[in-house]
Amino acid sequence: MGITDIIARFILDEISETGGCAELQRAELAQRFKCVPSQINYVISTRFAPEHGYIVESRRGGNGYIRITRLRSPAGQLVSRMIGAIGLELDQAAAEAIISAAAGAGLISKREALLLRSAVSPRALAAAPREDRARLRAGILKNMLAASAAEPPEG
């Protein structure tokens, strides 16, 4: 078992022990496993991405953390599959179709669908260079869908 697998197993255990949401410190993990912090970043980005059923939030700095939340509900699993299907870039028509499908399946409310459409609209992305808009649209939609399926941490 390689270091990547060991780190991933540790993080999975932490998520399980804390009821589906773990807050970790990148530097502490790197020190614990005697690796560079970029190794921790690699594990998180490849094993705990939204398409794998997780939401990752991070805050850098002195009191920084990485919060990983597992999407546990069947709706969360469906959202996870939708996110996986989005890919790296997404045009406006495809974004509209995904948002409509999510609303039609009851994964998001009509209001959430309206907000999603607004967030990925050409008007919202107009300040970004044209060549970056499809990639930004995909990222925004993935993250917002993932957040809509997350179960809030207890407490």
Protein backbone atom coordinates (compact mmCIF):
# COMPACT_ATOMS: atom_id res chain seq x y z
CA MET A 1 0.00 0.00 0.00
CA GLY A 2 1.47 3.35 -1.08
CA ILE A 3 1.50 6.62 0.84
CA THR A 4 -1.44 7.93 -1.19
CA ASP A 5 -3.57 4.95 -0.14
CA ILE A 6 -2.50 5.30 3.49
CA ILE A 7 -3.39 9.00 3.58
CA ALA A 8 -6.73 8.34 1.85
CA ARG A 9 -7.56 5.54 4.33
CA PHE A 10 -6.74 7.84 7.26
CA ILE A 11 -8.99 10.59 5.88
CA LEU A 12 -11.82 8.09 5.25
CA ASP A 13 -11.51 6.86 8.83
CA GLU A 14 -11.66 10.45 10.12
CA ILE A 15 -14.77 11.14 8.04
CA SER A 16 -16.44 7.98 9.36
CA GLU A 17 -15.54 8.69 12.98
CA THR A 18 -16.92 12.22 12.82
CA GLY A 19 -20.23 11.31 11.21
CA GLY A 20 -19.52 12.31 7.64
CA CYS A 21 -17.61 15.57 7.98
CA ALA A 22 -13.97 15.92 8.99
CA GLU A 23 -11.87 19.04 9.48
CA LEU A 24 -8.18 18.44 8.90
CA GLN A 25 -5.04 20.53 8.83
CA ARG A 26 -2.90 20.04 5.71
CA ALA A 27 0.39 20.75 7.51
CA GLU A 28 -0.43 18.36 10.36
CA LEU A 29 -1.29 15.58 7.90
CA ALA A 30 1.92 16.19 5.97
CA GLN A 31 3.92 16.02 9.18
CA ARG A 32 2.10 12.91 10.38
CA PHE A 33 2.76 11.03 7.13
CA LYS A 34 6.20 12.56 6.58
CA CYS A 35 5.34 13.93 3.16
CA VAL A 36 5.02 17.32 1.50
CA PRO A 37 1.70 19.21 1.72
CA SER A 38 1.25 18.86 -2.05
CA GLN A 39 0.92 15.08 -1.50
CA ILE A 40 -2.06 15.80 0.77
CA ASN A 41 -3.51 18.09 -1.92
CA TYR A 42 -3.09 15.30 -4.48
CA VAL A 43 -4.93 12.77 -2.32
CA ILE A 44 -7.77 15.17 -1.64
CA SER A 45 -8.18 16.25 -5.26
CA THR A 46 -8.10 12.70 -6.64
CA ARG A 47 -9.98 10.76 -3.94
CA PHE A 48 -12.37 13.28 -2.40
CA ALA A 49 -13.70 15.30 -5.33
CA PRO A 50 -17.44 15.97 -5.82
CA GLU A 51 -17.65 13.27 -8.48
CA HIS A 52 -16.54 10.79 -5.78
CA GLY A 53 -19.29 11.93 -3.44
CA TYR A 54 -17.48 14.55 -1.33
CA ILE A 55 -17.42 18.30 -0.90
CA VAL A 56 -14.08 19.82 -0.02
CA GLU A 57 -13.79 23.28 1.50
CA SER A 58 -10.53 24.82 2.55
CA ARG A 59 -9.25 27.90 4.26
CA ARG A 60 -5.60 28.79 4.04
CA GLY A 61 -3.54 30.61 6.62
CA GLY A 62 -2.67 30.17 10.29
CA ASN A 63 -6.04 28.75 11.31
CA GLY A 64 -6.59 27.12 7.95
CA TYR A 65 -8.33 23.81 7.54
CA ILE A 66 -9.65 21.36 5.02
CA ARG A 67 -13.25 20.29 5.60
CA ILE A 68 -14.37 17.17 3.75
CA THR A 69 -18.07 16.31 3.81
CA ARG A 70 -19.45 13.02 2.48
CA LEU A 71 -22.63 13.13 0.40
CA ARG A 72 -24.61 10.28 1.92
CA SER A 73 -28.13 10.47 0.62
CA PRO A 74 -29.39 8.80 -2.58
CA ALA A 75 -29.96 12.32 -3.87
CA GLY A 76 -26.32 13.07 -3.10
CA GLN A 77 -25.28 10.03 -5.09
CA LEU A 78 -27.37 11.16 -8.06
CA VAL A 79 -25.86 14.64 -7.83
CA SER A 80 -22.42 13.03 -7.68
CA ARG A 81 -23.12 11.19 -10.96
CA MET A 82 -24.39 14.42 -12.55
CA ILE A 83 -21.24 16.23 -11.45
CA GLY A 84 -19.09 13.47 -12.91
CA ALA A 85 -20.87 13.85 -16.23
CA ILE A 86 -20.25 17.59 -16.47
CA GLY A 87 -16.61 17.35 -17.45
CA LEU A 88 -14.08 20.18 -17.53
CA GLU A 89 -16.09 22.53 -19.75
CA LEU A 90 -19.78 23.17 -20.18
CA ASP A 91 -21.69 25.29 -22.66
CA GLN A 92 -24.79 27.26 -21.71
CA ALA A 93 -27.26 24.84 -23.33
CA ALA A 94 -25.79 21.84 -21.51
CA ALA A 95 -25.82 23.76 -18.22
CA GLU A 96 -29.51 24.58 -18.72
CA ALA A 97 -30.26 20.91 -19.42
CA ILE A 98 -28.45 19.73 -16.29
CA ILE A 99 -30.17 22.33 -14.11
CA SER A 100 -33.56 21.35 -15.56
CA ALA A 101 -32.83 17.67 -14.97
CA ALA A 102 -31.79 18.34 -11.37
CA ALA A 103 -34.96 20.36 -10.74
CA GLY A 104 -37.11 17.76 -12.48
CA ALA A 105 -35.65 15.00 -10.30
CA GLY A 106 -36.40 17.04 -7.19
CA LEU A 107 -32.71 17.44 -6.34
CA ILE A 108 -33.00 21.22 -6.24
CA SER A 109 -35.91 23.58 -5.72
CA LYS A 110 -37.25 25.96 -8.36
CA ARG A 111 -35.52 28.79 -6.52
CA GLU A 112 -32.21 26.93 -6.47
CA ALA A 113 -32.58 26.24 -10.19
CA LEU A 114 -33.15 29.96 -10.80
CA LEU A 115 -30.06 30.83 -8.77
CA LEU A 116 -27.98 28.21 -10.60
CA ARG A 117 -29.10 29.54 -13.97
CA SER A 118 -28.19 33.04 -12.88
CA ALA A 119 -24.75 31.98 -11.61
CA VAL A 120 -23.76 30.28 -14.89
CA SER A 121 -25.45 32.73 -17.24
CA PRO A 122 -23.56 34.56 -19.98
CA ARG A 123 -24.23 37.80 -18.12
CA ALA A 124 -22.65 36.50 -14.89
CA LEU A 125 -19.59 35.22 -16.76
CA ALA A 126 -19.22 38.24 -19.06
CA ALA A 127 -16.23 39.64 -17.16
CA ALA A 128 -14.24 36.44 -17.71
CA PRO A 129 -12.27 35.93 -20.91
CA ARG A 130 -14.41 34.16 -23.50
CA GLU A 131 -12.05 31.16 -23.64
CA ASP A 132 -12.45 30.59 -19.86
CA ARG A 133 -16.24 30.80 -19.60
CA ALA A 134 -17.08 27.15 -20.34
CA ARG A 135 -14.54 25.97 -17.77
CA LEU A 136 -15.81 28.45 -15.17
CA ARG A 137 -19.42 27.45 -15.88
CA ALA A 138 -18.54 23.78 -15.32
CA GLY A 139 -16.75 24.54 -12.05
CA ILE A 140 -19.50 26.74 -10.71
CA LEU A 141 -22.23 24.24 -11.55
CA LYS A 142 -20.29 21.30 -10.06
CA ASN A 143 -19.67 23.13 -6.80
CA MET A 144 -23.18 24.48 -6.45
CA LEU A 145 -24.77 21.10 -7.18
CA ALA A 146 -22.44 19.46 -4.68
CA ALA A 147 -23.27 22.05 -2.04
CA SER A 148 -27.01 21.54 -2.59
CA ALA A 149 -26.63 17.82 -1.87
CA ALA A 150 -24.41 18.13 1.19
CA GLU A 151 -25.74 17.14 4.54
CA PRO A 152 -24.78 19.86 7.00
CA PRO A 153 -22.42 18.76 9.76
CA GLU A 154 -24.09 17.96 13.06
CA GLY A 155 -23.71 20.44 15.85
